[in-house]
Amino acid sequence: MVDLDRDDLAILHVLQDDARNATTEEIGAEVGLAASTVASRINDLEDRGVVTGYRPAIDYEKAGFEQRTLLVGTITDEADEAAIVGDISEVENVVSVRRLLADETDLHVELLTDTQQRVEEATDELHELGVEIVRTNVIVEERTRPFDQFGKKYTTDG
C-alpha cells in the first residue's frame, strides 16, 4: 500500500474525471498547487504504481463490437491458480478478468466480440485453461463513475 497525502488524493480525483484533457495547469488551479508540483506528483504516482495507465472510454457497439458477454465460472482443481488470471487475460477478445473471493462463481470474464461464434470459441479456450463456465450473460448496459472519495474535499470546487 502506498501512503497518499491530501494533494495526491486531490490530483487522483481530477485525473480520474478526465485525465486526457486535464493539463497540469488546470489540475494545479483546481487543487491549489503549482503546475510543476502537479507534474512531479503525477510522475511519482506513476512510478509508485498508483496510476497504472490512461484509457479512453469507448462505445464498443459503435465500434462494431455488439456482442458483450459476461462469463461467470470457476477455476477447476487442475488449473494453475497462480497463473490463471494472466492466462485468461491473454485469450483473444477478453477485456477484463475478475477473480472473486467466492466459492462456485469466483471468476468473471468479460468478452467483447462481433459474433456469437467467437463467444463459443473463447469459452472453449477458457475451458482448456481450466475454467468451468456456469453462466453466460449478455451485458446490455453498464454505468461507471469516478470514485469520488479521492480527494474531492481537497479540490477547490469540492
N, C-alpha and C. Protein backbone atom coordinates (compact mmCIF):
# COMPACT_ATOMS: atom_id res chain seq x y z
N MET A 1 0.84 -1.17 0.00
CA MET A 1 0.00 0.00 0.00
C MET A 1 0.89 1.24 0.00
N VAL A 2 0.47 2.24 -0.73
CA VAL A 2 1.22 3.49 -0.86
C VAL A 2 0.54 4.57 -0.02
N ASP A 3 1.32 5.30 0.75
CA ASP A 3 0.77 6.42 1.52
C ASP A 3 0.50 7.59 0.57
N LEU A 4 -0.71 8.10 0.60
CA LEU A 4 -1.09 9.24 -0.22
C LEU A 4 -1.51 10.38 0.68
N ASP A 5 -1.00 11.57 0.39
CA ASP A 5 -1.43 12.73 1.17
C ASP A 5 -2.62 13.39 0.48
N ARG A 6 -3.11 14.44 1.08
CA ARG A 6 -4.30 15.12 0.56
C ARG A 6 -4.09 15.66 -0.84
N ASP A 7 -2.87 16.12 -1.18
CA ASP A 7 -2.60 16.62 -2.53
C ASP A 7 -2.64 15.50 -3.56
N ASP A 8 -2.05 14.34 -3.21
CA ASP A 8 -2.12 13.18 -4.11
C ASP A 8 -3.57 12.79 -4.37
N LEU A 9 -4.34 12.73 -3.31
CA LEU A 9 -5.75 12.34 -3.44
C LEU A 9 -6.52 13.33 -4.31
N ALA A 10 -6.25 14.61 -4.14
CA ALA A 10 -6.92 15.63 -4.95
C ALA A 10 -6.54 15.48 -6.43
N ILE A 11 -5.27 15.23 -6.69
CA ILE A 11 -4.82 15.04 -8.07
C ILE A 11 -5.48 13.80 -8.67
N LEU A 12 -5.53 12.71 -7.94
CA LEU A 12 -6.20 11.50 -8.43
C LEU A 12 -7.66 11.76 -8.75
N HIS A 13 -8.30 12.54 -7.90
CA HIS A 13 -9.70 12.87 -8.13
C HIS A 13 -9.88 13.57 -9.48
N VAL A 14 -9.04 14.53 -9.78
CA VAL A 14 -9.14 15.27 -11.03
C VAL A 14 -8.76 14.37 -12.22
N LEU A 15 -7.69 13.59 -12.07
CA LEU A 15 -7.24 12.73 -13.17
C LEU A 15 -8.30 11.72 -13.59
N GLN A 16 -8.95 11.11 -12.63
CA GLN A 16 -9.91 10.06 -12.99
C GLN A 16 -11.14 10.63 -13.66
N ASP A 17 -11.39 11.90 -13.48
CA ASP A 17 -12.55 12.52 -14.13
C ASP A 17 -12.31 12.71 -15.62
N ASP A 18 -11.12 13.22 -15.99
CA ASP A 18 -10.81 13.41 -17.42
C ASP A 18 -9.32 13.66 -17.59
N ALA A 19 -8.53 12.61 -17.44
CA ALA A 19 -7.06 12.74 -17.49
C ALA A 19 -6.57 13.20 -18.85
N ARG A 20 -7.28 12.85 -19.89
CA ARG A 20 -6.81 13.18 -21.24
C ARG A 20 -6.80 14.69 -21.49
N ASN A 21 -7.78 15.37 -20.97
CA ASN A 21 -7.93 16.79 -21.27
C ASN A 21 -7.47 17.72 -20.14
N ALA A 22 -7.06 17.15 -19.03
CA ALA A 22 -6.66 17.98 -17.88
C ALA A 22 -5.17 18.29 -17.97
N THR A 23 -4.83 19.56 -18.11
CA THR A 23 -3.42 19.96 -18.10
C THR A 23 -2.95 20.09 -16.66
N THR A 24 -1.64 20.08 -16.49
CA THR A 24 -1.11 20.25 -15.13
C THR A 24 -1.48 21.62 -14.57
N GLU A 25 -1.60 22.62 -15.46
CA GLU A 25 -2.01 23.95 -15.01
C GLU A 25 -3.44 23.92 -14.48
N GLU A 26 -4.34 23.24 -15.21
CA GLU A 26 -5.74 23.16 -14.79
C GLU A 26 -5.88 22.35 -13.50
N ILE A 27 -5.14 21.26 -13.42
CA ILE A 27 -5.19 20.45 -12.19
C ILE A 27 -4.67 21.27 -11.02
N GLY A 28 -3.56 21.97 -11.24
CA GLY A 28 -3.00 22.82 -10.18
C GLY A 28 -3.97 23.86 -9.69
N ALA A 29 -4.67 24.51 -10.64
CA ALA A 29 -5.66 25.52 -10.25
C ALA A 29 -6.79 24.89 -9.43
N GLU A 30 -7.15 23.67 -9.78
CA GLU A 30 -8.26 23.02 -9.08
C GLU A 30 -7.87 22.53 -7.69
N VAL A 31 -6.61 22.12 -7.53
CA VAL A 31 -6.19 21.55 -6.24
C VAL A 31 -5.31 22.49 -5.42
N GLY A 32 -4.98 23.66 -5.97
CA GLY A 32 -4.21 24.63 -5.23
C GLY A 32 -2.72 24.37 -5.20
N LEU A 33 -2.18 23.84 -6.31
CA LEU A 33 -0.75 23.57 -6.41
C LEU A 33 -0.20 24.17 -7.70
N ALA A 34 1.11 24.38 -7.74
CA ALA A 34 1.76 24.84 -8.97
C ALA A 34 1.76 23.71 -9.99
N ALA A 35 1.72 24.06 -11.27
CA ALA A 35 1.70 23.07 -12.34
C ALA A 35 2.92 22.15 -12.26
N SER A 36 4.08 22.70 -11.93
CA SER A 36 5.29 21.87 -11.83
C SER A 36 5.18 20.85 -10.70
N THR A 37 4.55 21.26 -9.60
CA THR A 37 4.34 20.33 -8.49
C THR A 37 3.37 19.23 -8.90
N VAL A 38 2.32 19.58 -9.62
CA VAL A 38 1.36 18.59 -10.11
C VAL A 38 2.07 17.58 -11.02
N ALA A 39 2.87 18.07 -11.96
CA ALA A 39 3.59 17.19 -12.88
C ALA A 39 4.50 16.24 -12.12
N SER A 40 5.20 16.76 -11.13
CA SER A 40 6.10 15.95 -10.33
C SER A 40 5.33 14.87 -9.56
N ARG A 41 4.21 15.27 -8.98
CA ARG A 41 3.41 14.32 -8.21
C ARG A 41 2.77 13.25 -9.10
N ILE A 42 2.34 13.62 -10.30
CA ILE A 42 1.78 12.64 -11.22
C ILE A 42 2.86 11.63 -11.61
N ASN A 43 4.06 12.11 -11.91
CA ASN A 43 5.17 11.20 -12.22
C ASN A 43 5.45 10.26 -11.06
N ASP A 44 5.41 10.79 -9.86
CA ASP A 44 5.65 9.98 -8.67
C ASP A 44 4.54 8.93 -8.49
N LEU A 45 3.29 9.32 -8.71
CA LEU A 45 2.17 8.38 -8.60
C LEU A 45 2.30 7.27 -9.64
N GLU A 46 2.77 7.61 -10.83
CA GLU A 46 3.01 6.60 -11.86
C GLU A 46 4.16 5.68 -11.46
N ASP A 47 5.26 6.26 -10.97
CA ASP A 47 6.43 5.48 -10.57
C ASP A 47 6.10 4.51 -9.43
N ARG A 48 5.23 4.93 -8.52
CA ARG A 48 4.86 4.08 -7.38
C ARG A 48 3.75 3.10 -7.72
N GLY A 49 3.28 3.13 -8.96
CA GLY A 49 2.28 2.16 -9.40
C GLY A 49 0.86 2.48 -9.01
N VAL A 50 0.61 3.69 -8.52
CA VAL A 50 -0.76 4.08 -8.17
C VAL A 50 -1.54 4.38 -9.44
N VAL A 51 -0.96 5.16 -10.33
CA VAL A 51 -1.56 5.41 -11.65
C VAL A 51 -0.91 4.42 -12.60
N THR A 52 -1.72 3.54 -13.16
CA THR A 52 -1.19 2.45 -13.99
C THR A 52 -1.44 2.66 -15.47
N GLY A 53 -2.17 3.70 -15.83
CA GLY A 53 -2.40 3.96 -17.25
C GLY A 53 -3.54 4.94 -17.44
N TYR A 54 -3.71 5.31 -18.68
CA TYR A 54 -4.77 6.23 -19.08
C TYR A 54 -5.50 5.57 -20.24
N ARG A 55 -6.78 5.30 -20.05
CA ARG A 55 -7.54 4.56 -21.06
C ARG A 55 -8.76 5.36 -21.50
N PRO A 56 -9.04 5.31 -22.79
CA PRO A 56 -10.23 6.02 -23.28
C PRO A 56 -11.50 5.24 -22.95
N ALA A 57 -12.60 5.95 -22.84
CA ALA A 57 -13.91 5.31 -22.71
C ALA A 57 -14.41 5.10 -24.14
N ILE A 58 -14.67 3.85 -24.49
CA ILE A 58 -15.03 3.50 -25.86
C ILE A 58 -16.46 2.98 -25.90
N ASP A 59 -17.22 3.44 -26.86
CA ASP A 59 -18.55 2.89 -27.13
C ASP A 59 -18.32 1.69 -28.04
N TYR A 60 -18.27 0.50 -27.46
CA TYR A 60 -17.93 -0.70 -28.21
C TYR A 60 -18.95 -1.02 -29.30
N GLU A 61 -20.21 -0.76 -29.03
CA GLU A 61 -21.24 -1.02 -30.03
C GLU A 61 -21.02 -0.18 -31.28
N LYS A 62 -20.72 1.10 -31.09
CA LYS A 62 -20.44 1.97 -32.24
C LYS A 62 -19.17 1.54 -32.98
N ALA A 63 -18.25 0.91 -32.25
CA ALA A 63 -17.01 0.44 -32.86
C ALA A 63 -17.18 -0.91 -33.56
N GLY A 64 -18.40 -1.46 -33.54
CA GLY A 64 -18.67 -2.69 -34.26
C GLY A 64 -18.58 -3.96 -33.44
N PHE A 65 -18.48 -3.83 -32.13
CA PHE A 65 -18.41 -4.99 -31.25
C PHE A 65 -19.70 -5.05 -30.43
N GLU A 66 -20.71 -5.64 -31.03
CA GLU A 66 -22.04 -5.62 -30.42
C GLU A 66 -22.25 -6.73 -29.39
N GLN A 67 -21.43 -7.75 -29.42
CA GLN A 67 -21.60 -8.89 -28.52
C GLN A 67 -20.71 -8.69 -27.30
N ARG A 68 -21.30 -8.23 -26.22
CA ARG A 68 -20.57 -8.02 -24.97
C ARG A 68 -21.11 -9.01 -23.96
N THR A 69 -20.25 -9.93 -23.52
CA THR A 69 -20.71 -11.08 -22.76
C THR A 69 -19.94 -11.21 -21.46
N LEU A 70 -20.65 -11.54 -20.39
CA LEU A 70 -20.04 -11.83 -19.10
C LEU A 70 -20.13 -13.33 -18.87
N LEU A 71 -18.98 -13.97 -18.78
CA LEU A 71 -18.92 -15.40 -18.48
C LEU A 71 -18.62 -15.54 -17.00
N VAL A 72 -19.45 -16.28 -16.30
CA VAL A 72 -19.27 -16.49 -14.87
C VAL A 72 -18.92 -17.95 -14.67
N GLY A 73 -17.85 -18.19 -13.95
CA GLY A 73 -17.42 -19.57 -13.77
C GLY A 73 -16.55 -19.76 -12.57
N THR A 74 -15.82 -20.85 -12.61
CA THR A 74 -14.92 -21.20 -11.52
C THR A 74 -13.67 -21.84 -12.10
N ILE A 75 -12.61 -21.76 -11.35
CA ILE A 75 -11.35 -22.39 -11.75
C ILE A 75 -11.39 -23.83 -11.26
N THR A 76 -11.12 -24.77 -12.18
CA THR A 76 -11.14 -26.19 -11.80
C THR A 76 -9.90 -26.54 -10.99
N ASP A 77 -9.96 -27.66 -10.32
CA ASP A 77 -8.85 -28.09 -9.46
C ASP A 77 -7.55 -28.29 -10.23
N GLU A 78 -7.65 -28.66 -11.50
CA GLU A 78 -6.44 -28.95 -12.28
C GLU A 78 -5.70 -27.68 -12.71
N ALA A 79 -6.35 -26.54 -12.66
CA ALA A 79 -5.75 -25.31 -13.18
C ALA A 79 -4.68 -24.78 -12.23
N ASP A 80 -3.71 -24.11 -12.81
CA ASP A 80 -2.67 -23.44 -12.04
C ASP A 80 -3.24 -22.10 -11.59
N GLU A 81 -3.75 -22.06 -10.37
CA GLU A 81 -4.47 -20.87 -9.90
C GLU A 81 -3.59 -19.62 -9.87
N ALA A 82 -2.30 -19.79 -9.67
CA ALA A 82 -1.42 -18.63 -9.60
C ALA A 82 -1.30 -17.92 -10.95
N ALA A 83 -1.41 -18.66 -12.04
CA ALA A 83 -1.21 -18.07 -13.37
C ALA A 83 -2.50 -17.90 -14.16
N ILE A 84 -3.60 -18.39 -13.64
CA ILE A 84 -4.82 -18.48 -14.45
C ILE A 84 -5.36 -17.13 -14.90
N VAL A 85 -5.36 -16.13 -14.04
CA VAL A 85 -5.90 -14.82 -14.43
C VAL A 85 -5.09 -14.23 -15.58
N GLY A 86 -3.78 -14.33 -15.50
CA GLY A 86 -2.93 -13.85 -16.58
C GLY A 86 -3.16 -14.61 -17.88
N ASP A 87 -3.31 -15.92 -17.79
CA ASP A 87 -3.57 -16.73 -18.98
C ASP A 87 -4.91 -16.37 -19.60
N ILE A 88 -5.92 -16.19 -18.76
CA ILE A 88 -7.26 -15.85 -19.26
C ILE A 88 -7.23 -14.49 -19.95
N SER A 89 -6.51 -13.53 -19.37
CA SER A 89 -6.48 -12.19 -19.94
C SER A 89 -5.81 -12.16 -21.32
N GLU A 90 -5.06 -13.20 -21.66
CA GLU A 90 -4.41 -13.28 -22.96
C GLU A 90 -5.30 -13.90 -24.04
N VAL A 91 -6.46 -14.43 -23.66
CA VAL A 91 -7.38 -15.01 -24.64
C VAL A 91 -7.96 -13.88 -25.49
N GLU A 92 -7.95 -14.08 -26.79
CA GLU A 92 -8.46 -13.05 -27.70
C GLU A 92 -9.90 -12.68 -27.34
N ASN A 93 -10.19 -11.42 -27.36
CA ASN A 93 -11.50 -10.82 -27.08
C ASN A 93 -11.82 -10.67 -25.60
N VAL A 94 -10.97 -11.14 -24.70
CA VAL A 94 -11.18 -10.93 -23.27
C VAL A 94 -10.75 -9.51 -22.94
N VAL A 95 -11.64 -8.73 -22.34
CA VAL A 95 -11.31 -7.35 -21.97
C VAL A 95 -11.17 -7.15 -20.47
N SER A 96 -11.69 -8.08 -19.68
CA SER A 96 -11.46 -7.99 -18.23
C SER A 96 -11.64 -9.36 -17.60
N VAL A 97 -10.90 -9.56 -16.53
CA VAL A 97 -10.99 -10.78 -15.73
C VAL A 97 -11.04 -10.37 -14.28
N ARG A 98 -12.01 -10.91 -13.56
CA ARG A 98 -12.09 -10.65 -12.12
C ARG A 98 -12.15 -11.98 -11.40
N ARG A 99 -11.25 -12.15 -10.45
CA ARG A 99 -11.28 -13.33 -9.60
C ARG A 99 -11.79 -12.89 -8.25
N LEU A 100 -12.86 -13.49 -7.79
CA LEU A 100 -13.53 -13.08 -6.57
C LEU A 100 -13.22 -14.02 -5.42
N LEU A 101 -13.38 -13.52 -4.24
CA LEU A 101 -13.28 -14.35 -3.06
C LEU A 101 -14.67 -14.94 -2.85
N ALA A 102 -14.92 -16.02 -3.55
CA ALA A 102 -16.24 -16.66 -3.54
C ALA A 102 -16.03 -18.16 -3.74
N ASP A 103 -17.13 -18.89 -3.83
CA ASP A 103 -17.00 -20.33 -3.99
C ASP A 103 -17.16 -20.74 -5.46
N GLU A 104 -18.34 -21.07 -5.90
CA GLU A 104 -18.54 -21.67 -7.21
C GLU A 104 -18.52 -20.68 -8.38
N THR A 105 -18.70 -19.44 -8.12
CA THR A 105 -18.70 -18.45 -9.20
C THR A 105 -17.66 -17.39 -8.91
N ASP A 106 -16.42 -17.83 -8.76
CA ASP A 106 -15.34 -16.94 -8.33
C ASP A 106 -14.61 -16.26 -9.48
N LEU A 107 -15.08 -16.46 -10.71
CA LEU A 107 -14.40 -15.90 -11.85
C LEU A 107 -15.39 -15.22 -12.78
N HIS A 108 -15.14 -13.96 -13.11
CA HIS A 108 -15.95 -13.22 -14.07
C HIS A 108 -15.05 -12.80 -15.21
N VAL A 109 -15.42 -13.19 -16.42
CA VAL A 109 -14.63 -12.89 -17.61
C VAL A 109 -15.53 -12.13 -18.57
N GLU A 110 -15.10 -10.93 -18.98
CA GLU A 110 -15.87 -10.15 -19.95
C GLU A 110 -15.24 -10.28 -21.32
N LEU A 111 -16.07 -10.65 -22.29
CA LEU A 111 -15.66 -10.79 -23.68
C LEU A 111 -16.30 -9.70 -24.50
N LEU A 112 -15.58 -9.25 -25.49
CA LEU A 112 -16.09 -8.25 -26.42
C LEU A 112 -15.86 -8.80 -27.82
N THR A 113 -16.94 -9.13 -28.52
CA THR A 113 -16.81 -9.76 -29.84
C THR A 113 -17.85 -9.18 -30.79
N ASP A 114 -17.72 -9.58 -32.05
CA ASP A 114 -18.72 -9.17 -33.04
C ASP A 114 -19.64 -10.33 -33.43
N THR A 115 -19.36 -11.55 -32.92
CA THR A 115 -20.20 -12.70 -33.26
C THR A 115 -20.39 -13.63 -32.06
N GLN A 116 -21.49 -14.34 -32.06
CA GLN A 116 -21.74 -15.37 -31.04
C GLN A 116 -20.76 -16.53 -31.21
N GLN A 117 -20.37 -16.79 -32.43
CA GLN A 117 -19.42 -17.88 -32.68
C GLN A 117 -18.12 -17.64 -31.93
N ARG A 118 -17.64 -16.41 -31.91
CA ARG A 118 -16.40 -16.11 -31.20
C ARG A 118 -16.56 -16.29 -29.70
N VAL A 119 -17.76 -16.00 -29.18
CA VAL A 119 -18.03 -16.24 -27.75
C VAL A 119 -17.86 -17.72 -27.45
N GLU A 120 -18.41 -18.56 -28.30
CA GLU A 120 -18.31 -20.01 -28.10
C GLU A 120 -16.87 -20.49 -28.20
N GLU A 121 -16.12 -19.95 -29.15
CA GLU A 121 -14.71 -20.33 -29.30
C GLU A 121 -13.91 -19.92 -28.06
N ALA A 122 -14.15 -18.71 -27.58
CA ALA A 122 -13.44 -18.22 -26.40
C ALA A 122 -13.80 -19.06 -25.18
N THR A 123 -15.06 -19.45 -25.07
CA THR A 123 -15.49 -20.31 -23.96
C THR A 123 -14.73 -21.63 -24.00
N ASP A 124 -14.56 -22.20 -25.19
CA ASP A 124 -13.79 -23.44 -25.34
C ASP A 124 -12.33 -23.23 -24.92
N GLU A 125 -11.75 -22.10 -25.30
CA GLU A 125 -10.36 -21.80 -24.92
C GLU A 125 -10.23 -21.67 -23.40
N LEU A 126 -11.21 -21.04 -22.77
CA LEU A 126 -11.18 -20.91 -21.32
C LEU A 126 -11.28 -22.28 -20.64
N HIS A 127 -12.12 -23.14 -21.21
CA HIS A 127 -12.26 -24.50 -20.67
C HIS A 127 -10.91 -25.24 -20.73
N GLU A 128 -10.19 -25.07 -21.83
CA GLU A 128 -8.88 -25.71 -21.98
C GLU A 128 -7.88 -25.19 -20.96
N LEU A 129 -8.06 -23.96 -20.50
CA LEU A 129 -7.19 -23.38 -19.48
C LEU A 129 -7.54 -23.84 -18.07
N GLY A 130 -8.68 -24.50 -17.91
CA GLY A 130 -9.09 -24.95 -16.59
C GLY A 130 -10.20 -24.13 -15.97
N VAL A 131 -11.04 -23.53 -16.81
CA VAL A 131 -12.16 -22.73 -16.32
C VAL A 131 -13.47 -23.43 -16.68
N GLU A 132 -14.31 -23.60 -15.69
CA GLU A 132 -15.65 -24.15 -15.93
C GLU A 132 -16.65 -22.98 -15.91
N ILE A 133 -17.28 -22.73 -17.04
CA ILE A 133 -18.27 -21.65 -17.13
C ILE A 133 -19.61 -22.20 -16.66
N VAL A 134 -20.23 -21.51 -15.70
CA VAL A 134 -21.52 -21.95 -15.16
C VAL A 134 -22.67 -21.07 -15.62
N ARG A 135 -22.34 -19.87 -16.12
CA ARG A 135 -23.40 -18.97 -16.57
C ARG A 135 -22.83 -17.99 -17.59
N THR A 136 -23.63 -17.70 -18.60
CA THR A 136 -23.25 -16.73 -19.63
C THR A 136 -24.33 -15.66 -19.68
N ASN A 137 -23.92 -14.39 -19.60
CA ASN A 137 -24.87 -13.29 -19.64
C ASN A 137 -24.44 -12.29 -20.71
N VAL A 138 -25.42 -11.75 -21.42
CA VAL A 138 -25.14 -10.66 -22.35
C VAL A 138 -25.25 -9.36 -21.57
N ILE A 139 -24.23 -8.52 -21.66
CA ILE A 139 -24.23 -7.23 -20.97
C ILE A 139 -25.01 -6.25 -21.84
N VAL A 140 -26.09 -5.74 -21.31
CA VAL A 140 -26.96 -4.83 -22.05
C VAL A 140 -26.58 -3.38 -21.78
N GLU A 141 -26.23 -3.09 -20.55
CA GLU A 141 -25.92 -1.71 -20.18
C GLU A 141 -24.96 -1.73 -19.00
N GLU A 142 -24.07 -0.76 -18.97
CA GLU A 142 -23.14 -0.62 -17.85
C GLU A 142 -22.91 0.85 -17.61
N ARG A 143 -22.86 1.22 -16.38
CA ARG A 143 -22.55 2.60 -15.99
C ARG A 143 -21.39 2.56 -15.02
N THR A 144 -20.44 3.43 -15.22
CA THR A 144 -19.35 3.58 -14.27
C THR A 144 -19.23 5.06 -13.93
N ARG A 145 -18.59 5.32 -12.83
CA ARG A 145 -18.36 6.71 -12.45
C ARG A 145 -17.06 6.77 -11.67
N PRO A 146 -16.45 7.91 -11.64
CA PRO A 146 -15.21 8.05 -10.87
C PRO A 146 -15.47 7.83 -9.38
N PHE A 147 -14.50 7.28 -8.71
CA PHE A 147 -14.56 7.10 -7.27
C PHE A 147 -14.42 8.46 -6.62
N ASP A 148 -15.50 8.99 -6.10
CA ASP A 148 -15.49 10.39 -5.65
C ASP A 148 -14.86 10.58 -4.26
N GLN A 149 -14.35 9.53 -3.69
CA GLN A 149 -13.69 9.68 -2.39
C GLN A 149 -12.22 10.06 -2.52
N PHE A 150 -11.69 10.08 -3.75
CA PHE A 150 -10.31 10.52 -3.97
C PHE A 150 -10.23 12.02 -3.88
N GLY A 151 -10.09 12.53 -2.70
CA GLY A 151 -9.75 13.93 -2.51
C GLY A 151 -10.74 14.97 -3.00
N LYS A 152 -12.00 14.63 -3.21
CA LYS A 152 -12.95 15.62 -3.66
C LYS A 152 -13.00 16.82 -2.72
N LYS A 153 -12.87 16.54 -1.44
CA LYS A 153 -12.93 17.62 -0.46
C LYS A 153 -11.69 18.50 -0.48
N TYR A 154 -10.64 18.07 -1.22
CA TYR A 154 -9.41 18.84 -1.27
C TYR A 154 -9.29 19.69 -2.55
N THR A 155 -10.23 19.54 -3.48
CA THR A 155 -10.19 20.37 -4.67
C THR A 155 -10.93 21.66 -4.38
N THR A 156 -10.66 22.68 -5.16
CA THR A 156 -11.27 24.00 -4.88
C THR A 156 -12.77 24.01 -5.11
N ASP A 157 -13.28 23.07 -5.94
CA ASP A 157 -14.73 23.04 -6.16
C ASP A 157 -15.42 21.98 -5.31
N GLY A 158 -14.69 21.25 -4.48
CA GLY A 158 -15.25 20.16 -3.68
C GLY A 158 -15.57 20.63 -2.32
